[in-house]
Amino acid sequence: MCVIAVYEKNYPSGEDLINMESMNPHYAGIAWRDNGKIKFKKGINAKDIMMTIKEERIQLPFVVHFRITSVGITDKQLNHPFPINESASLELEGESESVLFHNGTWTDYKNEIKNICLFKNVKAPDGLISDSRIMAWVAHHSGANYLGAVIGDSDKVVIFTPTEILKFGKWYDFKKESVSNTYFEKSNDYFGTMPKILSEKKKHKKGKNNFYENFKNLSYNESYLVNELLDYGLSYDEIQKAVEKHGSIKNAYENLKFKMWDEYTPYYGDYG
């Protein structure tokens, strides 16, 4: 589950940011106000966020997001925030009149693309797509109120402008700040699963040499998928058997990820 943190009163501790990242490892983003605009950086990590706050002398308020992929691929361009503009552009840093952050999974986003294209007579965004990027695109073409009416009840959304912080969904208090969930807290017993995952990973080094002897010259994406499976405690031998059964690393991952999700996230669905 991704997490959004809105900092209006206090700056985050490094520990809190690292805890958020540990549960949402697919890069992060930050947005802040500067001279009547919203500036942002994304595709970064917790350390980068701390350095950005210091180097840019960021003043409160600002918004932070850590992603774990649910809709779309794992790519820095699909990190949050997304500029609320005509194409919900994919640049990794820049400035905008407003930006959007999202925590949740918007299942109806593809239908909304069709509706906006038809009734607004506009072109769908080019490039990589996720439900969150489409939210920013919808907010530009139809407004925040329309977006709030069509997204799901479980979605958490922040629209950050030079004068407003619009929040949709149910929010939680964490150290007097608003967060979209508190699952990253060390005190939350649910996260006993993370030490389990990491300890299982350490036990499954056996078979590494044999695996890479059989699967040489892996692409970047294939290596990433292998590491994802290892992070969830699968052994090299188990991955190799799955690849042999399903024909490719990608197919093996697609078949195994549902098993991983059921085992380690039993309490809620596929939230991004």
Protein backbone atom coordinates (compact mmCIF):
# COMPACT_ATOMS: atom_id res chain seq x y z
CA MET A 1 0.00 0.00 0.00
CA CYS A 2 1.40 3.40 -0.97
CA VAL A 3 1.46 6.19 1.58
CA ILE A 4 0.97 9.96 1.37
CA ALA A 5 2.08 12.29 4.16
CA VAL A 6 0.98 15.93 4.29
CA TYR A 7 3.36 17.99 6.43
CA GLU A 8 1.82 21.25 7.61
CA LYS A 9 3.08 21.67 11.20
CA ASN A 10 6.33 19.73 11.55
CA TYR A 11 9.13 18.31 9.43
CA PRO A 12 9.38 14.51 9.17
CA SER A 13 12.08 12.55 10.92
CA GLY A 14 14.49 10.53 8.80
CA GLU A 15 13.30 7.41 10.60
CA ASP A 16 9.68 7.99 9.61
CA LEU A 17 10.61 8.50 5.95
CA ILE A 18 12.74 5.35 5.94
CA ASN A 19 9.90 3.37 7.52
CA MET A 20 7.54 4.59 4.82
CA GLU A 21 10.06 3.64 2.15
CA SER A 22 10.67 0.18 3.64
CA MET A 23 7.03 -0.73 3.02
CA ASN A 24 6.68 1.20 -0.25
CA PRO A 25 10.01 0.72 -2.04
CA HIS A 26 9.12 1.73 -5.61
CA TYR A 27 10.49 5.28 -5.35
CA ALA A 28 9.13 8.43 -3.79
CA GLY A 29 8.18 12.02 -4.59
CA ILE A 30 7.85 15.38 -2.89
CA ALA A 31 6.07 18.65 -3.77
CA TRP A 32 6.36 22.07 -2.17
CA ARG A 33 5.33 25.69 -2.71
CA ASP A 34 7.75 28.16 -4.26
CA ASN A 35 6.99 31.67 -5.54
CA GLY A 36 3.36 31.00 -6.38
CA LYS A 37 4.03 27.63 -8.04
CA ILE A 38 4.26 24.02 -6.96
CA LYS A 39 7.71 22.48 -7.43
CA PHE A 40 8.22 18.73 -7.34
CA LYS A 41 10.76 15.92 -7.60
CA LYS A 42 9.99 12.23 -7.95
CA GLY A 43 11.65 8.90 -8.70
CA ILE A 44 13.81 9.46 -5.61
CA ASN A 45 14.29 7.78 -2.21
CA ALA A 46 13.95 8.74 1.45
CA LYS A 47 17.51 10.06 1.64
CA ASP A 48 16.93 12.18 -1.48
CA ILE A 49 13.80 13.66 0.11
CA MET A 50 15.74 14.67 3.22
CA MET A 51 18.48 16.21 1.08
CA THR A 52 15.93 18.04 -1.10
CA ILE A 53 14.23 19.56 1.95
CA LYS A 54 17.59 20.84 3.14
CA GLU A 55 19.06 21.97 -0.19
CA GLU A 56 15.88 23.66 -1.45
CA ARG A 57 15.15 25.13 1.99
CA ILE A 58 11.60 23.84 1.69
CA GLN A 59 9.09 25.50 3.96
CA LEU A 60 5.93 23.95 5.35
CA PRO A 61 3.55 22.79 4.00
CA PHE A 62 4.74 20.08 1.63
CA VAL A 63 3.57 16.62 0.58
CA VAL A 64 5.49 13.33 0.32
CA HIS A 65 4.51 10.07 -1.37
CA PHE A 66 6.07 6.59 -1.34
CA ARG A 67 4.85 4.12 -3.96
CA ILE A 68 4.40 0.39 -4.19
CA THR A 69 3.20 -0.62 -7.64
CA SER A 70 -0.37 -1.83 -8.15
CA VAL A 71 -1.59 -0.23 -11.40
CA GLY A 72 0.96 0.43 -14.13
CA ILE A 73 4.57 -0.70 -14.11
CA THR A 74 7.32 0.15 -11.67
CA ASP A 75 8.92 3.15 -13.33
CA LYS A 76 10.13 6.48 -11.94
CA GLN A 77 7.89 8.34 -14.38
CA LEU A 78 4.83 6.81 -12.70
CA ASN A 79 5.80 8.10 -9.30
CA HIS A 80 3.76 10.81 -7.65
CA PRO A 81 3.03 13.65 -7.85
CA PHE A 82 1.56 14.18 -11.30
CA PRO A 83 1.17 17.73 -12.61
CA ILE A 84 -2.47 18.61 -13.14
CA ASN A 85 -2.15 19.74 -16.74
CA GLU A 86 -3.38 18.81 -20.20
CA SER A 87 -1.36 15.59 -20.42
CA ALA A 88 -0.58 14.91 -16.73
CA SER A 89 3.03 14.99 -17.89
CA LEU A 90 5.67 12.50 -16.78
CA GLU A 91 8.74 14.64 -16.05
CA LEU A 92 10.68 13.69 -12.93
CA GLU A 93 11.03 17.25 -11.66
CA GLY A 94 9.65 20.66 -12.48
CA GLU A 95 6.89 23.03 -11.50
CA SER A 96 3.14 23.24 -12.06
CA GLU A 97 0.08 25.21 -11.06
CA SER A 98 -1.04 22.18 -9.04
CA VAL A 99 -0.15 18.50 -8.57
CA LEU A 100 -1.92 15.31 -7.49
CA PHE A 101 -0.94 12.47 -5.15
CA HIS A 102 -2.92 9.23 -4.86
CA ASN A 103 -3.06 6.25 -2.49
CA GLY A 104 -5.42 3.49 -3.55
CA THR A 105 -6.51 1.66 -6.67
CA TRP A 106 -9.00 3.31 -9.02
CA THR A 107 -10.46 0.40 -10.96
CA ASP A 108 -12.66 2.47 -13.30
CA TYR A 109 -9.95 4.73 -14.71
CA LYS A 110 -10.02 3.20 -18.21
CA ASN A 111 -13.72 3.98 -18.60
CA GLU A 112 -13.07 7.52 -17.45
CA ILE A 113 -10.43 7.94 -20.19
CA LYS A 114 -13.11 7.10 -22.75
CA ASN A 115 -15.64 9.46 -21.15
CA ILE A 116 -13.28 12.44 -21.02
CA CYS A 117 -12.05 11.88 -24.59
CA LEU A 118 -15.61 11.62 -25.87
CA PHE A 119 -17.27 14.47 -23.99
CA LYS A 120 -14.33 16.88 -23.80
CA ASN A 121 -13.02 16.06 -27.30
CA VAL A 122 -9.45 15.70 -26.05
CA LYS A 123 -6.65 13.21 -26.67
CA ALA A 124 -5.71 10.59 -24.08
CA PRO A 125 -2.25 10.97 -22.52
CA ASP A 126 0.71 9.41 -24.34
CA GLY A 127 3.34 7.25 -22.69
CA LEU A 128 3.15 5.23 -19.49
CA ILE A 129 -0.28 5.09 -17.85
CA SER A 130 -1.51 4.44 -14.32
CA ASP A 131 -4.77 5.12 -12.54
CA SER A 132 -3.09 7.92 -10.59
CA ARG A 133 -1.80 9.68 -13.70
CA ILE A 134 -5.30 9.53 -15.18
CA MET A 135 -6.67 11.13 -12.01
CA ALA A 136 -4.45 14.17 -12.59
CA TRP A 137 -5.54 14.28 -16.23
CA VAL A 138 -9.22 14.07 -15.23
CA ALA A 139 -8.75 16.79 -12.60
CA HIS A 140 -7.35 19.11 -15.28
CA HIS A 141 -10.12 18.50 -17.80
CA SER A 142 -13.12 18.20 -15.45
CA GLY A 143 -12.08 19.73 -12.14
CA ALA A 144 -11.43 18.52 -8.60
CA ASN A 145 -15.11 18.25 -7.69
CA TYR A 146 -15.80 15.94 -10.63
CA LEU A 147 -12.78 13.82 -9.73
CA GLY A 148 -13.98 13.54 -6.15
CA ALA A 149 -17.34 12.26 -7.40
CA VAL A 150 -15.97 9.49 -9.65
CA ILE A 151 -13.09 7.97 -7.65
CA GLY A 152 -13.62 5.06 -5.27
CA ASP A 153 -14.52 5.40 -1.59
CA SER A 154 -11.21 3.85 -0.48
CA ASP A 155 -9.03 6.19 -2.55
CA LYS A 156 -6.97 8.87 -0.79
CA VAL A 157 -6.11 11.86 -2.99
CA VAL A 158 -4.29 15.14 -2.37
CA ILE A 159 -4.51 18.06 -4.78
CA PHE A 160 -1.77 20.50 -3.79
CA THR A 161 -1.92 24.08 -5.06
CA PRO A 162 -0.16 27.33 -4.07
CA THR A 163 -3.17 28.23 -1.90
CA GLU A 164 -4.97 24.97 -1.04
CA ILE A 165 -4.46 21.37 0.07
CA LEU A 166 -7.54 19.45 -1.06
CA LYS A 167 -7.87 15.99 0.49
CA PHE A 168 -10.28 13.23 -0.57
CA GLY A 169 -10.91 10.03 1.37
CA LYS A 170 -10.32 9.00 4.97
CA TRP A 171 -7.11 10.34 6.54
CA TYR A 172 -5.25 9.52 9.74
CA ASP A 173 -3.31 11.53 12.29
CA PHE A 174 0.39 10.73 12.69
CA LYS A 175 2.43 13.05 14.92
CA LYS A 176 -0.11 15.84 14.28
CA GLU A 177 0.18 15.43 10.49
CA SER A 178 -2.20 13.83 7.98
CA VAL A 179 -1.22 10.49 6.44
CA SER A 180 -3.21 8.26 4.10
CA ASN A 181 -2.46 5.21 6.28
CA THR A 182 -0.31 4.31 9.28
CA TYR A 183 0.81 0.84 8.23
CA PHE A 184 4.43 1.99 8.14
CA GLU A 185 4.48 2.57 11.91
CA LYS A 186 6.80 0.19 13.77
CA SER A 187 4.14 -0.20 16.43
CA ASN A 188 1.67 -1.57 13.87
CA ASP A 189 1.67 -5.33 14.43
CA TYR A 190 0.69 -5.98 10.83
CA PHE A 191 4.20 -5.14 9.77
CA GLY A 192 5.54 -8.16 11.49
CA THR A 193 5.38 -9.50 7.92
CA MET A 194 8.34 -7.38 6.78
CA PRO A 195 10.91 -8.97 9.09
CA LYS A 196 9.44 -12.29 7.98
CA ILE A 197 10.02 -11.39 4.34
CA LEU A 198 13.58 -10.23 4.96
CA SER A 199 14.52 -13.22 7.08
CA GLU A 200 13.13 -15.56 4.44
CA LYS A 201 15.17 -13.77 1.80
CA LYS A 202 18.39 -14.37 3.76
CA LYS A 203 17.61 -18.09 3.98
CA HIS A 204 17.15 -18.41 0.24
CA LYS A 205 20.62 -17.61 -1.10
CA LYS A 206 21.15 -21.27 -1.94
CA GLY A 207 20.99 -21.94 -5.66
CA LYS A 208 22.11 -18.45 -6.74
CA ASN A 209 25.13 -19.58 -8.76
CA ASN A 210 23.15 -22.31 -10.46
CA PHE A 211 20.33 -19.89 -11.28
CA TYR A 212 22.59 -17.34 -12.95
CA GLU A 213 24.44 -20.08 -14.78
CA ASN A 214 21.14 -21.09 -16.37
CA PHE A 215 19.86 -17.54 -16.88
CA LYS A 216 22.67 -15.42 -18.24
CA ASN A 217 22.41 -11.88 -19.63
CA LEU A 218 19.16 -10.99 -17.90
CA SER A 219 17.63 -7.67 -18.91
CA TYR A 220 17.17 -4.93 -16.31
CA ASN A 221 13.43 -5.69 -16.06
CA GLU A 222 14.06 -9.43 -15.65
CA SER A 223 16.62 -8.81 -12.90
CA TYR A 224 14.15 -6.53 -11.16
CA LEU A 225 11.43 -9.21 -11.22
CA VAL A 226 13.85 -11.81 -9.83
CA ASN A 227 14.72 -9.47 -6.96
CA GLU A 228 11.03 -8.83 -6.28
CA LEU A 229 10.47 -12.58 -5.91
CA LEU A 230 13.52 -12.91 -3.66
CA ASP A 231 12.26 -10.03 -1.51
CA TYR A 232 9.13 -12.04 -0.84
CA GLY A 233 11.11 -15.04 0.36
CA LEU A 234 11.18 -17.28 -2.71
CA SER A 235 14.40 -19.20 -3.29
CA TYR A 236 16.41 -19.23 -6.51
CA ASP A 237 15.42 -22.88 -6.92
CA GLU A 238 11.72 -22.01 -6.62
CA ILE A 239 12.07 -19.18 -9.12
CA GLN A 240 13.93 -21.41 -11.57
CA LYS A 241 11.23 -24.09 -11.37
CA ALA A 242 8.55 -21.43 -11.97
CA VAL A 243 10.44 -20.09 -15.00
CA GLU A 244 10.76 -23.60 -16.42
CA LYS A 245 7.04 -24.18 -15.85
CA HIS A 246 5.75 -20.86 -17.22
CA GLY A 247 8.32 -20.22 -19.96
CA SER A 248 9.82 -16.87 -18.91
CA ILE A 249 10.74 -14.80 -15.87
CA LYS A 250 7.90 -12.38 -16.62
CA ASN A 251 5.33 -15.19 -16.81
CA ALA A 252 6.71 -16.77 -13.65
CA TYR A 253 6.42 -13.47 -11.81
CA GLU A 254 2.85 -12.91 -13.02
CA ASN A 255 1.85 -16.34 -11.72
CA LEU A 256 3.71 -16.10 -8.43
CA LYS A 257 2.79 -12.54 -7.44
CA PHE A 258 -0.76 -13.51 -6.53
CA LYS A 259 0.55 -16.19 -4.20
CA MET A 260 2.93 -13.67 -2.63
CA TRP A 261 0.19 -11.09 -2.14
CA ASP A 262 -2.19 -13.58 -0.54
CA GLU A 263 0.50 -14.80 1.86
CA TYR A 264 1.86 -11.46 3.01
CA THR A 265 -1.10 -9.09 2.70
CA PRO A 266 -4.11 -11.01 3.99
CA TYR A 267 -6.07 -8.03 5.27
CA TYR A 268 -6.74 -5.88 2.24
CA GLY A 269 -6.81 -5.85 -1.53
CA ASP A 270 -4.52 -4.48 -4.20
CA TYR A 271 -3.98 -0.88 -3.16
CA GLY A 272 -1.33 1.28 -4.79
